[in-house]
Amino acid sequence: MKFSGIELRDLAICWLALGFCFSLQYLIPVRDIPYPQSLVRFAVYFGVALIGIGTGFLFHELAHKGVAQRFGYHAEFRMWKLGLLIAVASALLSFGKFLFFAPGAVYTSTYKTPDPREEGLISAAGPLTNIALAGLFYLIATGSGDAGLWSVIGSFGFQINLWLAAFNLVPFPPLDGVKILRWNKAVWMMLAALSWGLLALLMFGVIK
Protein backbone atom coordinates (compact mmCIF):
# COMPACT_ATOMS: atom_id res chain seq x y z
CA MET A 1 0.00 0.00 0.00
CA LYS A 2 1.51 3.30 -1.10
CA PHE A 3 1.12 6.64 0.69
CA SER A 4 1.96 10.21 -0.25
CA GLY A 5 3.41 12.72 2.23
CA ILE A 6 0.25 14.83 2.06
CA GLU A 7 -1.89 11.78 2.74
CA LEU A 8 0.11 10.81 5.84
CA ARG A 9 -0.07 14.39 7.09
CA ASP A 10 -3.85 14.55 6.62
CA LEU A 11 -4.36 11.20 8.37
CA ALA A 12 -2.23 12.30 11.33
CA ILE A 13 -4.03 15.64 11.70
CA CYS A 14 -7.47 14.01 11.60
CA TRP A 15 -6.42 11.28 14.02
CA LEU A 16 -5.08 13.74 16.63
CA ALA A 17 -7.98 16.17 16.21
CA LEU A 18 -10.60 13.45 16.61
CA GLY A 19 -8.76 12.03 19.62
CA PHE A 20 -9.02 15.48 21.20
CA CYS A 21 -12.71 15.79 20.35
CA PHE A 22 -13.64 12.42 21.84
CA SER A 23 -11.70 13.06 25.07
CA LEU A 24 -12.64 16.73 25.54
CA GLN A 25 -15.46 15.99 27.98
CA TYR A 26 -12.95 14.58 30.47
CA LEU A 27 -11.08 17.90 30.57
CA ILE A 28 -14.01 19.69 32.19
CA PRO A 29 -13.78 19.73 36.01
CA VAL A 30 -16.63 18.07 37.88
CA ARG A 31 -17.57 17.86 41.52
CA ASP A 32 -15.00 16.06 43.68
CA ILE A 33 -12.49 16.10 40.79
CA PRO A 34 -10.28 19.25 40.91
CA TYR A 35 -8.79 20.74 37.77
CA PRO A 36 -5.29 19.19 38.10
CA GLN A 37 -6.87 15.75 38.32
CA SER A 38 -9.08 16.62 35.34
CA LEU A 39 -5.93 17.25 33.29
CA VAL A 40 -4.59 13.83 34.21
CA ARG A 41 -7.95 12.25 33.44
CA PHE A 42 -8.05 14.05 30.09
CA ALA A 43 -4.54 12.82 29.22
CA VAL A 44 -5.53 9.23 29.98
CA TYR A 45 -8.72 9.38 27.93
CA PHE A 46 -6.92 11.20 25.12
CA GLY A 47 -4.62 8.18 24.85
CA VAL A 48 -7.60 5.82 25.00
CA ALA A 49 -9.37 7.86 22.30
CA LEU A 50 -6.30 7.77 20.06
CA ILE A 51 -6.30 3.96 20.27
CA GLY A 52 -10.03 3.76 19.54
CA ILE A 53 -9.93 6.38 16.80
CA GLY A 54 -6.64 4.98 15.50
CA THR A 55 -8.32 1.67 14.79
CA GLY A 56 -11.81 2.92 14.00
CA PHE A 57 -10.95 5.86 11.78
CA LEU A 58 -7.56 4.89 10.37
CA PHE A 59 -8.34 1.25 9.59
CA HIS A 60 -11.70 2.24 8.09
CA GLU A 61 -9.97 4.54 5.62
CA LEU A 62 -7.09 2.13 4.99
CA ALA A 63 -9.60 -0.62 4.18
CA HIS A 64 -11.14 1.61 1.50
CA LYS A 65 -7.69 2.43 0.15
CA GLY A 66 -6.43 -1.15 0.12
CA VAL A 67 -9.44 -2.58 -1.72
CA ALA A 68 -9.45 0.32 -4.20
CA GLN A 69 -5.78 -0.19 -5.03
CA ARG A 70 -6.39 -3.92 -5.43
CA PHE A 71 -8.91 -3.08 -8.16
CA GLY A 72 -6.39 -0.80 -9.85
CA TYR A 73 -7.75 2.53 -8.64
CA HIS A 74 -5.62 5.43 -7.52
CA ALA A 75 -6.75 6.04 -3.93
CA GLU A 76 -5.64 8.68 -1.43
CA PHE A 77 -7.09 10.02 1.80
CA ARG A 78 -7.73 13.74 1.89
CA MET A 79 -8.70 15.82 4.87
CA TRP A 80 -11.95 17.79 4.58
CA LYS A 81 -11.02 21.01 6.36
CA LEU A 82 -14.60 22.20 6.82
CA GLY A 83 -15.69 18.80 8.17
CA LEU A 84 -12.77 18.72 10.60
CA LEU A 85 -13.52 22.28 11.71
CA ILE A 86 -17.18 21.37 12.31
CA ALA A 87 -16.07 18.30 14.30
CA VAL A 88 -13.86 20.39 16.60
CA ALA A 89 -16.43 23.20 16.88
CA SER A 90 -19.28 20.81 17.70
CA ALA A 91 -17.14 19.14 20.39
CA LEU A 92 -16.16 22.50 21.93
CA LEU A 93 -19.70 23.92 21.88
CA SER A 94 -21.17 20.77 23.43
CA PHE A 95 -18.27 20.23 25.86
CA GLY A 96 -17.52 16.93 24.17
CA LYS A 97 -21.08 15.57 24.37
CA PHE A 98 -21.87 15.84 20.64
CA LEU A 99 -19.61 15.39 17.63
CA PHE A 100 -20.24 15.73 13.91
CA PHE A 101 -17.77 13.21 12.51
CA ALA A 102 -16.71 13.85 8.89
CA PRO A 103 -13.01 14.79 8.82
CA GLY A 104 -12.17 13.45 5.37
CA ALA A 105 -12.37 10.49 3.02
CA VAL A 106 -10.45 8.27 0.61
CA TYR A 107 -10.89 9.61 -2.90
CA THR A 108 -10.50 7.21 -5.82
CA SER A 109 -9.91 7.68 -9.52
CA THR A 110 -9.44 5.30 -12.41
CA TYR A 111 -8.91 5.40 -16.16
CA LYS A 112 -11.45 2.63 -16.68
CA THR A 113 -15.23 2.95 -16.41
CA PRO A 114 -16.16 2.68 -12.69
CA ASP A 115 -17.77 -0.67 -11.92
CA PRO A 116 -20.71 -0.67 -9.44
CA ARG A 117 -19.53 -3.97 -7.92
CA GLU A 118 -16.01 -2.66 -7.37
CA GLU A 119 -17.30 0.61 -5.96
CA GLY A 120 -19.65 -1.33 -3.68
CA LEU A 121 -16.87 -3.57 -2.39
CA ILE A 122 -14.57 -0.58 -1.84
CA SER A 123 -17.31 1.17 0.15
CA ALA A 124 -18.24 -1.97 2.12
CA ALA A 125 -14.64 -2.52 3.23
CA GLY A 126 -14.77 0.39 5.69
CA PRO A 127 -17.92 -0.52 7.69
CA LEU A 128 -17.04 -4.23 7.56
CA THR A 129 -13.64 -3.42 9.10
CA ASN A 130 -15.36 -1.44 11.87
CA ILE A 131 -17.73 -4.32 12.63
CA ALA A 132 -14.79 -6.74 12.89
CA LEU A 133 -12.88 -4.32 15.13
CA ALA A 134 -15.96 -3.82 17.32
CA GLY A 135 -16.02 -7.58 17.90
CA LEU A 136 -12.32 -7.59 18.78
CA PHE A 137 -12.66 -4.71 21.24
CA TYR A 138 -15.71 -6.33 22.81
CA LEU A 139 -13.62 -9.41 23.53
CA ILE A 140 -10.96 -7.19 25.08
CA ALA A 141 -13.55 -5.40 27.23
CA THR A 142 -15.28 -8.55 28.45
CA GLY A 143 -12.08 -10.49 28.91
CA SER A 144 -10.34 -7.88 31.06
CA GLY A 145 -12.90 -7.65 33.87
CA ASP A 146 -15.05 -4.73 34.96
CA ALA A 147 -12.25 -2.29 35.76
CA GLY A 148 -8.83 -1.24 34.56
CA LEU A 149 -7.35 0.45 31.55
CA TRP A 150 -7.87 -2.49 29.17
CA SER A 151 -11.54 -2.58 30.07
CA VAL A 152 -11.84 1.14 29.26
CA ILE A 153 -9.96 0.74 25.98
CA GLY A 154 -12.07 -2.27 25.01
CA SER A 155 -15.35 -0.56 25.84
CA PHE A 156 -14.43 2.65 24.02
CA GLY A 157 -13.09 0.80 20.97
CA PHE A 158 -16.23 -1.33 20.80
CA GLN A 159 -18.56 1.66 20.96
CA ILE A 160 -16.68 3.89 18.50
CA ASN A 161 -16.23 1.16 15.88
CA LEU A 162 -19.88 0.15 16.13
CA TRP A 163 -20.95 3.76 15.81
CA LEU A 164 -18.67 4.32 12.80
CA ALA A 165 -20.05 1.27 11.01
CA ALA A 166 -23.68 2.25 11.67
CA PHE A 167 -23.14 5.88 10.68
CA ASN A 168 -21.32 5.11 7.43
CA LEU A 169 -24.01 2.63 6.35
CA VAL A 170 -26.67 5.34 6.24
CA PRO A 171 -27.65 5.44 2.53
CA PHE A 172 -27.09 9.17 2.15
CA PRO A 173 -24.27 10.67 0.05
CA PRO A 174 -21.35 10.83 0.50
CA LEU A 175 -21.54 7.98 3.05
CA ASP A 176 -20.59 4.39 2.16
CA GLY A 177 -24.16 3.10 2.38
CA VAL A 178 -25.13 4.75 -0.91
CA LYS A 179 -22.69 2.84 -3.11
CA ILE A 180 -23.21 -0.44 -1.23
CA LEU A 181 -26.99 -0.18 -1.66
CA ARG A 182 -26.59 0.69 -5.33
CA TRP A 183 -24.40 -2.39 -5.87
CA ASN A 184 -26.16 -5.02 -3.75
CA LYS A 185 -29.23 -4.41 -1.60
CA ALA A 186 -28.84 -7.73 0.24
CA VAL A 187 -25.28 -6.92 1.33
CA TRP A 188 -26.32 -3.47 2.49
CA MET A 189 -29.29 -4.87 4.45
CA MET A 190 -27.08 -7.49 6.13
CA LEU A 191 -24.42 -4.98 7.20
CA ALA A 192 -26.99 -2.36 8.24
CA ALA A 193 -29.06 -4.85 10.25
CA LEU A 194 -25.95 -6.13 12.05
CA SER A 195 -24.46 -2.74 12.92
CA TRP A 196 -27.73 -0.92 13.66
CA GLY A 197 -29.05 -3.88 15.65
CA LEU A 198 -25.92 -4.07 17.82
CA LEU A 199 -25.94 -0.29 18.26
CA ALA A 200 -29.58 -0.42 19.43
CA LEU A 201 -28.69 -3.15 21.94
CA LEU A 202 -25.83 -0.99 23.17
CA MET A 203 -28.01 2.13 23.51
CA PHE A 204 -30.67 0.23 25.46
CA GLY A 205 -28.10 -1.32 27.76
CA VAL A 206 -28.61 -4.91 26.64
CA ILE A 207 -24.90 -5.13 25.85
CA LYS A 208 -22.18 -2.98 27.39
C-alpha atoms as a PDB file:
ATOM      1  CA  MET A   1       0.000   0.000   0.000  1.00  0.00           C
ATOM      2  CA  LYS A   2       1.506   3.297  -1.101  1.00  0.00           C
ATOM      3  CA  PHE A   3       1.115   6.641   0.688  1.00  0.00           C
ATOM      4  CA  SER A   4       1.965  10.214  -0.246  1.00  0.00           C
ATOM      5  CA  GLY A   5       3.409  12.716   2.226  1.00  0.00           C
ATOM      6  CA  ILE A   6       0.253  14.835   2.056  1.00  0.00           C
ATOM      7  CA  GLU A   7      -1.892  11.779   2.739  1.00  0.00           C
ATOM      8  CA  LEU A   8       0.109  10.805   5.840  1.00  0.00           C
ATOM      9  CA  ARG A   9      -0.072  14.390   7.087  1.00  0.00           C
ATOM     10  CA  ASP A  10      -3.846  14.551   6.619  1.00  0.00           C
ATOM     11  CA  LEU A  11      -4.363  11.199   8.372  1.00  0.00           C
ATOM     12  CA  ALA A  12      -2.229  12.301  11.329  1.00  0.00           C
ATOM     13  CA  ILE A  13      -4.028  15.645  11.704  1.00  0.00           C
ATOM     14  CA  CYS A  14      -7.467  14.014  11.598  1.00  0.00           C
ATOM     15  CA  TRP A  15      -6.419  11.280  14.018  1.00  0.00           C
ATOM     16  CA  LEU A  16      -5.082  13.742  16.626  1.00  0.00           C
ATOM     17  CA  ALA A  17      -7.984  16.173  16.212  1.00  0.00           C
ATOM     18  CA  LEU A  18     -10.599  13.452  16.612  1.00  0.00           C
ATOM     19  CA  GLY A  19      -8.763  12.029  19.623  1.00  0.00           C
ATOM     20  CA  PHE A  20      -9.018  15.478  21.204  1.00  0.00           C
ATOM     21  CA  CYS A  21     -12.713  15.788  20.345  1.00  0.00           C
ATOM     22  CA  PHE A  22     -13.637  12.422  21.840  1.00  0.00           C
ATOM     23  CA  SER A  23     -11.704  13.059  25.071  1.00  0.00           C
ATOM     24  CA  LEU A  24     -12.637  16.725  25.544  1.00  0.00           C
ATOM     25  CA  GLN A  25     -15.464  15.987  27.976  1.00  0.00           C
ATOM     26  CA  TYR A  26     -12.945  14.585  30.468  1.00  0.00           C
ATOM     27  CA  LEU A  27     -11.075  17.899  30.568  1.00  0.00           C
ATOM     28  CA  ILE A  28     -14.010  19.686  32.193  1.00  0.00           C
ATOM     29  CA  PRO A  29     -13.777  19.729  36.014  1.00  0.00           C
ATOM     30  CA  VAL A  30     -16.629  18.066  37.878  1.00  0.00           C
ATOM     31  CA  ARG A  31     -17.575  17.864  41.521  1.00  0.00           C
ATOM     32  CA  ASP A  32     -15.003  16.060  43.675  1.00  0.00           C
ATOM     33  CA  ILE A  33     -12.487  16.100  40.792  1.00  0.00           C
ATOM     34  CA  PRO A  34     -10.284  19.253  40.913  1.00  0.00           C
ATOM     35  CA  TYR A  35      -8.792  20.738  37.775  1.00  0.00           C
ATOM     36  CA  PRO A  36      -5.294  19.195  38.103  1.00  0.00           C
ATOM     37  CA  GLN A  37      -6.868  15.749  38.316  1.00  0.00           C
ATOM     38  CA  SER A  38      -9.076  16.617  35.340  1.00  0.00           C
ATOM     39  CA  LEU A  39      -5.933  17.253  33.293  1.00  0.00           C
ATOM     40  CA  VAL A  40      -4.593  13.831  34.213  1.00  0.00           C
ATOM     41  CA  ARG A  41      -7.954  12.251  33.443  1.00  0.00           C
ATOM     42  CA  PHE A  42      -8.051  14.054  30.085  1.00  0.00           C
ATOM     43  CA  ALA A  43      -4.537  12.824  29.221  1.00  0.00           C
ATOM     44  CA  VAL A  44      -5.527   9.230  29.983  1.00  0.00           C
ATOM     45  CA  TYR A  45      -8.718   9.383  27.931  1.00  0.00           C
ATOM     46  CA  PHE A  46      -6.918  11.200  25.120  1.00  0.00           C
ATOM     47  CA  GLY A  47      -4.616   8.185  24.850  1.00  0.00           C
ATOM     48  CA  VAL A  48      -7.603   5.822  25.002  1.00  0.00           C
ATOM     49  CA  ALA A  49      -9.371   7.861  22.303  1.00  0.00           C
ATOM     50  CA  LEU A  50      -6.304   7.768  20.065  1.00  0.00           C
ATOM     51  CA  ILE A  51      -6.304   3.965  20.271  1.00  0.00           C
ATOM     52  CA  GLY A  52     -10.033   3.758  19.543  1.00  0.00           C
ATOM     53  CA  ILE A  53      -9.929   6.380  16.805  1.00  0.00           C
ATOM     54  CA  GLY A  54      -6.644   4.985  15.504  1.00  0.00           C
ATOM     55  CA  THR A  55      -8.316   1.666  14.793  1.00  0.00           C
ATOM     56  CA  GLY A  56     -11.807   2.917  14.001  1.00  0.00           C
ATOM     57  CA  PHE A  57     -10.949   5.860  11.779  1.00  0.00           C
ATOM     58  CA  LEU A  58      -7.561   4.888  10.369  1.00  0.00           C
ATOM     59  CA  PHE A  59      -8.343   1.248   9.593  1.00  0.00           C
ATOM     60  CA  HIS A  60     -11.698   2.239   8.090  1.00  0.00           C
ATOM     61  CA  GLU A  61      -9.967   4.545   5.620  1.00  0.00           C
ATOM     62  CA  LEU A  62      -7.090   2.127   4.991  1.00  0.00           C
ATOM     63  CA  ALA A  63      -9.600  -0.622   4.182  1.00  0.00           C
ATOM     64  CA  HIS A  64     -11.139   1.613   1.498  1.00  0.00           C
ATOM     65  CA  LYS A  65      -7.694   2.432   0.151  1.00  0.00           C
ATOM     66  CA  GLY A  66      -6.433  -1.146   0.119  1.00  0.00           C
ATOM     67  CA  VAL A  67      -9.439  -2.580  -1.725  1.00  0.00           C
ATOM     68  CA  ALA A  68      -9.448   0.322  -4.199  1.00  0.00           C
ATOM     69  CA  GLN A  69      -5.776  -0.189  -5.030  1.00  0.00           C
ATOM     70  CA  ARG A  70      -6.393  -3.919  -5.428  1.00  0.00           C
ATOM     71  CA  PHE A  71      -8.909  -3.081  -8.165  1.00  0.00           C
ATOM     72  CA  GLY A  72      -6.393  -0.797  -9.852  1.00  0.00           C
ATOM     73  CA  TYR A  73      -7.754   2.529  -8.638  1.00  0.00           C
ATOM     74  CA  HIS A  74      -5.625   5.429  -7.521  1.00  0.00           C
ATOM     75  CA  ALA A  75      -6.750   6.040  -3.935  1.00  0.00           C
ATOM     76  CA  GLU A  76      -5.640   8.683  -1.428  1.00  0.00           C
ATOM     77  CA  PHE A  77      -7.089  10.019   1.803  1.00  0.00           C
ATOM     78  CA  ARG A  78      -7.734  13.743   1.890  1.00  0.00           C
ATOM     79  CA  MET A  79      -8.702  15.824   4.875  1.00  0.00           C
ATOM     80  CA  TRP A  80     -11.946  17.794   4.579  1.00  0.00           C
ATOM     81  CA  LYS A  81     -11.022  21.012   6.364  1.00  0.00           C
ATOM     82  CA  LEU A  82     -14.599  22.197   6.821  1.00  0.00           C
ATOM     83  CA  GLY A  83     -15.689  18.801   8.167  1.00  0.00           C
ATOM     84  CA  LEU A  84     -12.771  18.725  10.605  1.00  0.00           C
ATOM     85  CA  LEU A  85     -13.523  22.284  11.713  1.00  0.00           C
ATOM     86  CA  ILE A  86     -17.175  21.370  12.306  1.00  0.00           C
ATOM     87  CA  ALA A  87     -16.074  18.305  14.304  1.00  0.00           C
ATOM     88  CA  VAL A  88     -13.858  20.387  16.600  1.00  0.00           C
ATOM     89  CA  ALA A  89     -16.434  23.196  16.878  1.00  0.00           C
ATOM     90  CA  SER A  90     -19.280  20.806  17.700  1.00  0.00           C
ATOM     91  CA  ALA A  91     -17.140  19.141  20.389  1.00  0.00           C
ATOM     92  CA  LEU A  92     -16.163  22.496  21.930  1.00  0.00           C
ATOM     93  CA  LEU A  93     -19.696  23.919  21.879  1.00  0.00           C
ATOM     94  CA  SER A  94     -21.174  20.773  23.431  1.00  0.00           C
ATOM     95  CA  PHE A  95     -18.273  20.226  25.861  1.00  0.00           C
ATOM     96  CA  GLY A  96     -17.521  16.928  24.166  1.00  0.00           C
ATOM     97  CA  LYS A  97     -21.077  15.566  24.371  1.00  0.00           C
ATOM     98  CA  PHE A  98     -21.866  15.841  20.643  1.00  0.00           C
ATOM     99  CA  LEU A  99     -19.607  15.388  17.627  1.00  0.00           C
ATOM    100  CA  PHE A 100     -20.235  15.733  13.906  1.00  0.00           C
ATOM    101  CA  PHE A 101     -17.775  13.207  12.507  1.00  0.00           C
ATOM    102  CA  ALA A 102     -16.714  13.846   8.889  1.00  0.00           C
ATOM    103  CA  PRO A 103     -13.013  14.790   8.823  1.00  0.00           C
ATOM    104  CA  GLY A 104     -12.167  13.452   5.370  1.00  0.00           C
ATOM    105  CA  ALA A 105     -12.366  10.487   3.017  1.00  0.00           C
ATOM    106  CA  VAL A 106     -10.452   8.269   0.609  1.00  0.00           C
ATOM    107  CA  TYR A 107     -10.892   9.612  -2.901  1.00  0.00           C
ATOM    108  CA  THR A 108     -10.502   7.206  -5.816  1.00  0.00           C
ATOM    109  CA  SER A 109      -9.908   7.679  -9.519  1.00  0.00           C
ATOM    110  CA  THR A 110      -9.441   5.297 -12.413  1.00  0.00           C
ATOM    111  CA  TYR A 111      -8.908   5.398 -16.158  1.00  0.00           C
ATOM    112  CA  LYS A 112     -11.453   2.633 -16.684  1.00  0.00           C
ATOM    113  CA  THR A 113     -15.227   2.950 -16.407  1.00  0.00           C
ATOM    114  CA  PRO A 114     -16.159   2.678 -12.688  1.00  0.00           C
ATOM    115  CA  ASP A 115     -17.775  -0.669 -11.924  1.00  0.00           C
ATOM    116  CA  PRO A 116     -20.714  -0.669  -9.440  1.00  0.00           C
ATOM    117  CA  ARG A 117     -19.534  -3.967  -7.922  1.00  0.00           C
ATOM    118  CA  GLU A 118     -16.008  -2.662  -7.374  1.00  0.00           C
ATOM    119  CA  GLU A 119     -17.301   0.612  -5.959  1.00  0.00           C
ATOM    120  CA  GLY A 120     -19.653  -1.326  -3.678  1.00  0.00           C
ATOM    121  CA  LEU A 121     -16.869  -3.566  -2.390  1.00  0.00           C
ATOM    122  CA  ILE A 122     -14.572  -0.575  -1.839  1.00  0.00           C
ATOM    123  CA  SER A 123     -17.311   1.165   0.154  1.00  0.00           C
ATOM    124  CA  ALA A 124     -18.239  -1.969   2.125  1.00  0.00           C
ATOM    125  CA  ALA A 125     -14.641  -2.523   3.226  1.00  0.00           C
ATOM    126  CA  GLY A 126     -14.774   0.391   5.689  1.00  0.00           C
ATOM    127  CA  PRO A 127     -17.919  -0.524   7.690  1.00  0.00           C
ATOM    128  CA  LEU A 128     -17.036  -4.229   7.559  1.00  0.00           C
ATOM    129  CA  THR A 129     -13.645  -3.421   9.099  1.00  0.00           C
ATOM    130  CA  ASN A 130     -15.356  -1.440  11.866  1.00  0.00           C
ATOM    131  CA  ILE A 131     -17.730  -4.321  12.628  1.00  0.00           C
ATOM    132  CA  ALA A 132     -14.793  -6.736  12.886  1.00  0.00           C
ATOM    133  CA  LEU A 133     -12.878  -4.318  15.126  1.00  0.00           C
ATOM    134  CA  ALA A 134     -15.955  -3.824  17.319  1.00  0.00           C
ATOM    135  CA  GLY A 135     -16.021  -7.576  17.898  1.00  0.00           C
ATOM    136  CA  LEU A 136     -12.316  -7.585  18.781  1.00  0.00           C
ATOM    137  CA  PHE A 137     -12.661  -4.705  21.242  1.00  0.00           C
ATOM    138  CA  TYR A 138     -15.713  -6.330  22.809  1.00  0.00           C
ATOM    139  CA  LEU A 139     -13.624  -9.409  23.526  1.00  0.00           C
ATOM    140  CA  ILE A 140     -10.955  -7.187  25.083  1.00  0.00           C
ATOM    141  CA  ALA A 141     -13.550  -5.401  27.232  1.00  0.00           C
ATOM    142  CA  THR A 142     -15.282  -8.545  28.452  1.00  0.00           C
ATOM    143  CA  GLY A 143     -12.083 -10.490  28.905  1.00  0.00           C
ATOM    144  CA  SER A 144     -10.340  -7.878  31.055  1.00  0.00           C
ATOM    145  CA  GLY A 145     -12.901  -7.654  33.869  1.00  0.00           C
ATOM    146  CA  ASP A 146     -15.050  -4.730  34.960  1.00  0.00           C
ATOM    147  CA  ALA A 147     -12.247  -2.290  35.757  1.00  0.00           C
ATOM    148  CA  GLY A 148      -8.832  -1.240  34.565  1.00  0.00           C
ATOM    149  CA  LEU A 149      -7.352   0.453  31.550  1.00  0.00           C
ATOM    150  CA  TRP A 150      -7.867  -2.493  29.167  1.00  0.00           C
ATOM    151  CA  SER A 151     -11.538  -2.580  30.070  1.00  0.00           C
ATOM    152  CA  VAL A 152     -11.845   1.137  29.262  1.00  0.00           C
ATOM    153  CA  ILE A 153      -9.962   0.739  25.977  1.00  0.00           C
ATOM    154  CA  GLY A 154     -12.069  -2.269  25.007  1.00  0.00           C
ATOM    155  CA  SER A 155     -15.349  -0.562  25.844  1.00  0.00           C
ATOM    156  CA  PHE A 156     -14.434   2.647  24.017  1.00  0.00           C
ATOM    157  CA  GLY A 157     -13.090   0.802  20.969  1.00  0.00           C
ATOM    158  CA  PHE A 158     -16.234  -1.333  20.798  1.00  0.00           C
ATOM    159  CA  GLN A 159     -18.557   1.659  20.957  1.00  0.00           C
ATOM    160  CA  ILE A 160     -16.684   3.887  18.496  1.00  0.00           C
ATOM    161  CA  ASN A 161     -16.233   1.155  15.882  1.00  0.00           C
ATOM    162  CA  LEU A 162     -19.877   0.145  16.132  1.00  0.00           C
ATOM    163  CA  TRP A 163     -20.953   3.765  15.808  1.00  0.00           C
ATOM    164  CA  LEU A 164     -18.669   4.324  12.805  1.00  0.00           C
ATOM    165  CA  ALA A 165     -20.054   1.265  11.009  1.00  0.00           C
ATOM    166  CA  ALA A 166     -23.676   2.247  11.673  1.00  0.00           C
ATOM    167  CA  PHE A 167     -23.143   5.883  10.680  1.00  0.00           C
ATOM    168  CA  ASN A 168     -21.319   5.106   7.433  1.00  0.00           C
ATOM    169  CA  LEU A 169     -24.007   2.630   6.349  1.00  0.00           C
ATOM    170  CA  VAL A 170     -26.668   5.339   6.244  1.00  0.00           C
ATOM    171  CA  PRO A 171     -27.653   5.442   2.526  1.00  0.00           C
ATOM    172  CA  PHE A 172     -27.095   9.174   2.145  1.00  0.00           C
ATOM    173  CA  PRO A 173     -24.268  10.666   0.048  1.00  0.00           C
ATOM    174  CA  PRO A 174     -21.349  10.833   0.496  1.00  0.00           C
ATOM    175  CA  LEU A 175     -21.541   7.976   3.047  1.00  0.00           C
ATOM    176  CA  ASP A 176     -20.591   4.393   2.160  1.00  0.00           C
ATOM    177  CA  GLY A 177     -24.157   3.096   2.380  1.00  0.00           C
ATOM    178  CA  VAL A 178     -25.135   4.753  -0.905  1.00  0.00           C
ATOM    179  CA  LYS A 179     -22.693   2.837  -3.111  1.00  0.00           C
ATOM    180  CA  ILE A 180     -23.212  -0.438  -1.228  1.00  0.00           C
ATOM    181  CA  LEU A 181     -26.993  -0.184  -1.656  1.00  0.00           C
ATOM    182  CA  ARG A 182     -26.591   0.692  -5.334  1.00  0.00           C
ATOM    183  CA  TRP A 183     -24.403  -2.387  -5.874  1.00  0.00           C
ATOM    184  CA  ASN A 184     -26.160  -5.024  -3.749  1.00  0.00           C
ATOM    185  CA  LYS A 185     -29.231  -4.412  -1.600  1.00  0.00           C
ATOM    186  CA  ALA A 186     -28.842  -7.732   0.242  1.00  0.00           C
ATOM    187  CA  VAL A 187     -25.276  -6.923   1.334  1.00  0.00           C
ATOM    188  CA  TRP A 188     -26.320  -3.466   2.491  1.00  0.00           C
ATOM    189  CA  MET A 189     -29.291  -4.867   4.445  1.00  0.00           C
ATOM    190  CA  MET A 190     -27.082  -7.487   6.129  1.00  0.00           C
ATOM    191  CA  LEU A 191     -24.422  -4.975   7.197  1.00  0.00           C
ATOM    192  CA  ALA A 192     -26.988  -2.357   8.245  1.00  0.00           C
ATOM    193  CA  ALA A 193     -29.060  -4.851  10.254  1.00  0.00           C
ATOM    194  CA  LEU A 194     -25.946  -6.129  12.045  1.00  0.00           C
ATOM    195  CA  SER A 195     -24.457  -2.735  12.919  1.00  0.00           C
ATOM    196  CA  TRP A 196     -27.728  -0.918  13.664  1.00  0.00           C
ATOM    197  CA  GLY A 197     -29.053  -3.882  15.647  1.00  0.00           C
ATOM    198  CA  LEU A 198     -25.921  -4.070  17.818  1.00  0.00           C
ATOM    199  CA  LEU A 199     -25.945  -0.291  18.257  1.00  0.00           C
ATOM    200  CA  ALA A 200     -29.576  -0.425  19.427  1.00  0.00           C
ATOM    201  CA  LEU A 201     -28.691  -3.148  21.937  1.00  0.00           C
ATOM    202  CA  LEU A 202     -25.829  -0.988  23.174  1.00  0.00           C
ATOM    203  CA  MET A 203     -28.015   2.131  23.505  1.00  0.00           C
ATOM    204  CA  PHE A 204     -30.673   0.231  25.456  1.00  0.00           C
ATOM    205  CA  GLY A 205     -28.102  -1.322  27.763  1.00  0.00           C
ATOM    206  CA  VAL A 206     -28.611  -4.913  26.638  1.00  0.00           C
ATOM    207  CA  ILE A 207     -24.895  -5.129  25.847  1.00  0.00           C
ATOM    208  CA  LYS A 208     -22.183  -2.975  27.392  1.00  0.00           C
END
